[in-house]
């Protein structure tokens, strides 16, 4: 949550929320949020809703698209498993999803991908390894002048942060 001021309340869309792990992290760090978790899996949405039952300012929705605007949006892990999709198909899916994240976010968005700089011996055919430089360039040209690429935290992945002008 490097682009968020912890002192100010904010709203956030969590695309691919799973069981709501990001909300646990936000709570543990003392963030005041209006949280919406979105996931395509009905089982995950049910599990998240049960875990946070009765909690104010937390909604969980079973969907593939974000239907509300928030200050920020995040997508973690949703671009990794491509199954049998071709590279061109998966790249188009990623770009369409980034367009959606941008449209749904007033102040910025972030996402992560497995990196094309992974060790070749550990790469799998059913996973997608994105070119971090290409996605950085796309975000810089299409969404904002303020884009950060984080590729230094020990996993075979990277995160891109897109900050919008206030």
Protein backbone atom coordinates (compact mmCIF):
# COMPACT_ATOMS: atom_id res chain seq x y z
CA UNK A 1 0.00 0.00 0.00
CA UNK A 2 2.82 2.32 -0.94
CA UNK A 3 0.56 4.86 -2.66
CA UNK A 4 -1.91 5.31 0.20
CA UNK A 5 -1.71 7.82 3.03
CA UNK A 6 -2.54 5.77 6.14
CA UNK A 7 -4.01 8.78 7.94
CA UNK A 8 -6.73 9.39 5.35
CA UNK A 9 -9.76 7.13 4.83
CA UNK A 10 -10.06 5.74 1.30
CA UNK A 11 -12.13 3.36 -0.78
CA UNK A 12 -10.62 0.37 -2.55
CA UNK A 13 -11.66 -2.29 -5.07
CA UNK A 14 -9.86 -5.63 -4.68
CA UNK A 15 -10.24 -7.54 -7.97
CA UNK A 16 -9.59 -11.23 -7.37
CA UNK A 17 -10.11 -10.81 -3.62
CA UNK A 18 -10.24 -14.51 -2.79
CA UNK A 19 -11.13 -14.95 0.87
CA UNK A 20 -10.32 -11.31 1.72
CA UNK A 21 -6.64 -11.48 2.72
CA UNK A 22 -6.01 -7.88 1.62
CA UNK A 23 -8.69 -6.64 4.02
CA UNK A 24 -6.89 -8.44 6.87
CA UNK A 25 -3.69 -6.63 5.86
CA UNK A 26 -5.41 -3.25 5.65
CA UNK A 27 -7.00 -3.76 9.07
CA UNK A 28 -3.70 -4.88 10.63
CA UNK A 29 -2.03 -1.70 9.38
CA UNK A 30 -4.81 0.52 10.71
CA UNK A 31 -6.13 1.76 7.37
CA UNK A 32 -9.67 3.16 7.38
CA UNK A 33 -11.25 1.76 4.24
CA UNK A 34 -14.45 1.33 2.34
CA UNK A 35 -13.56 -2.05 0.84
CA UNK A 36 -15.15 -3.95 -2.04
CA UNK A 37 -13.83 -7.41 -2.85
CA UNK A 38 -14.64 -8.82 -6.28
CA UNK A 39 -13.98 -12.42 -7.30
CA UNK A 40 -15.23 -14.79 -10.02
CA UNK A 41 -15.41 -17.71 -7.58
CA UNK A 42 -18.72 -17.95 -5.69
CA UNK A 43 -17.00 -20.14 -3.07
CA UNK A 44 -14.33 -17.52 -2.39
CA UNK A 45 -16.90 -14.72 -2.17
CA UNK A 46 -18.98 -16.78 0.29
CA UNK A 47 -15.90 -17.55 2.39
CA UNK A 48 -14.89 -13.88 2.46
CA UNK A 49 -18.41 -12.73 3.32
CA UNK A 50 -18.54 -15.21 6.21
CA UNK A 51 -15.11 -14.18 7.51
CA UNK A 52 -16.13 -10.51 7.59
CA UNK A 53 -19.81 -10.95 8.40
CA UNK A 54 -21.17 -7.89 10.18
CA UNK A 55 -18.15 -5.75 9.39
CA UNK A 56 -19.04 -2.25 8.29
CA UNK A 57 -17.64 -0.90 5.02
CA UNK A 58 -16.78 -4.31 3.53
CA UNK A 59 -18.69 -5.81 0.62
CA UNK A 60 -17.95 -8.93 -1.41
CA UNK A 61 -19.29 -9.40 -4.93
CA UNK A 62 -19.15 -12.38 -7.28
CA UNK A 63 -18.27 -10.85 -10.65
CA UNK A 64 -15.54 -10.55 -13.25
CA UNK A 65 -15.86 -6.78 -13.62
CA UNK A 66 -15.68 -3.83 -11.23
CA UNK A 67 -18.98 -1.95 -11.15
CA UNK A 68 -18.11 0.90 -8.79
CA UNK A 69 -15.51 3.62 -8.73
CA UNK A 70 -13.14 3.76 -5.77
CA UNK A 71 -10.11 5.81 -4.80
CA UNK A 72 -7.87 2.82 -5.54
CA UNK A 73 -8.10 -0.58 -7.16
CA UNK A 74 -5.77 -3.53 -6.80
CA UNK A 75 -5.40 -6.84 -8.64
CA UNK A 76 -3.03 -9.36 -7.09
CA UNK A 77 -2.36 -12.73 -8.66
CA UNK A 78 -5.15 -12.62 -11.23
CA UNK A 79 -2.86 -12.63 -14.28
CA UNK A 80 -0.73 -15.64 -13.30
CA UNK A 81 -2.80 -18.66 -14.41
CA UNK A 82 -3.55 -18.55 -18.11
CA UNK A 83 -4.24 -22.28 -18.56
CA UNK A 84 -4.20 -22.82 -22.35
CA UNK A 85 -4.63 -19.21 -23.50
CA UNK A 86 -2.20 -18.02 -26.14
CA UNK A 87 0.16 -15.16 -25.28
CA UNK A 88 -1.74 -12.79 -27.58
CA UNK A 89 -5.08 -13.68 -25.96
CA UNK A 90 -3.70 -13.32 -22.44
CA UNK A 91 -2.02 -9.99 -23.22
CA UNK A 92 -5.33 -8.67 -24.58
CA UNK A 93 -7.06 -9.88 -21.38
CA UNK A 94 -4.47 -8.12 -19.22
CA UNK A 95 -4.80 -4.86 -21.18
CA UNK A 96 -8.61 -4.95 -20.99
CA UNK A 97 -8.40 -5.57 -17.24
CA UNK A 98 -5.94 -2.70 -16.77
CA UNK A 99 -8.31 -0.43 -18.72
CA UNK A 100 -11.06 -1.48 -16.30
CA UNK A 101 -8.85 -0.88 -13.24
CA UNK A 102 -8.00 2.57 -14.56
CA UNK A 103 -11.64 3.46 -15.20
CA UNK A 104 -12.65 2.25 -11.73
CA UNK A 105 -9.93 4.18 -9.86
CA UNK A 106 -9.91 7.88 -8.99
CA UNK A 107 -6.44 8.07 -7.42
CA UNK A 108 -4.54 5.05 -8.69
CA UNK A 109 -4.29 1.30 -9.07
CA UNK A 110 -1.78 -1.50 -8.76
CA UNK A 111 -1.34 -5.02 -10.03
CA UNK A 112 1.26 -7.76 -10.07
CA UNK A 113 2.37 -10.42 -12.53
CA UNK A 114 4.86 -13.23 -12.67
CA UNK A 115 8.01 -11.95 -14.34
CA UNK A 116 9.51 -12.98 -17.66
CA UNK A 117 12.85 -12.77 -15.82
CA UNK A 118 12.01 -15.97 -13.91
CA UNK A 119 14.42 -18.89 -14.08
CA UNK A 120 13.53 -20.82 -17.24
CA UNK A 121 13.82 -24.14 -15.41
CA UNK A 122 11.06 -23.10 -13.00
CA UNK A 123 8.60 -21.72 -15.56
CA UNK A 124 5.37 -23.60 -16.28
CA UNK A 125 3.31 -23.63 -19.47
CA UNK A 126 0.01 -22.95 -17.68
CA UNK A 127 1.36 -19.75 -16.08
CA UNK A 128 1.93 -16.39 -17.74
CA UNK A 129 5.22 -14.56 -17.27
CA UNK A 130 4.78 -10.93 -18.28
CA UNK A 131 7.45 -8.56 -19.53
CA UNK A 132 7.64 -5.93 -16.76
CA UNK A 133 9.15 -3.32 -19.09
CA UNK A 134 6.34 -3.69 -21.63
CA UNK A 135 3.64 -3.30 -18.98
CA UNK A 136 5.46 -0.36 -17.40
CA UNK A 137 5.57 1.30 -20.84
CA UNK A 138 1.88 0.60 -21.43
CA UNK A 139 0.90 2.10 -18.07
CA UNK A 140 3.15 5.13 -18.55
CA UNK A 141 1.77 5.86 -22.03
CA UNK A 142 -1.89 5.02 -21.41
CA UNK A 143 -2.74 5.82 -17.79
CA UNK A 144 -0.38 8.19 -15.97
CA UNK A 145 3.00 9.89 -15.94
CA UNK A 146 3.48 8.62 -12.39
CA UNK A 147 4.15 4.88 -12.62
CA UNK A 148 6.43 2.74 -10.45
CA UNK A 149 7.78 -0.72 -11.23
CA UNK A 150 8.73 -2.77 -8.17
CA UNK A 151 10.84 -5.78 -9.09
CA UNK A 152 13.14 -6.11 -6.10
CA UNK A 153 11.32 -8.05 -3.43
CA UNK A 154 12.56 -11.60 -3.81
CA UNK A 155 9.67 -13.28 -5.61
CA UNK A 156 9.50 -14.18 -9.28
CA UNK A 157 7.00 -11.39 -9.84
CA UNK A 158 6.74 -7.64 -10.11
CA UNK A 159 4.22 -5.00 -9.07
CA UNK A 160 3.25 -1.88 -10.96
CA UNK A 161 1.79 1.15 -9.16
CA UNK A 162 -0.10 3.74 -11.19
CA UNK A 163 -0.73 7.07 -9.46
CA UNK A 164 -3.19 9.49 -11.00
CA UNK A 165 -2.87 13.25 -10.79
CA UNK A 166 -4.91 14.73 -7.94
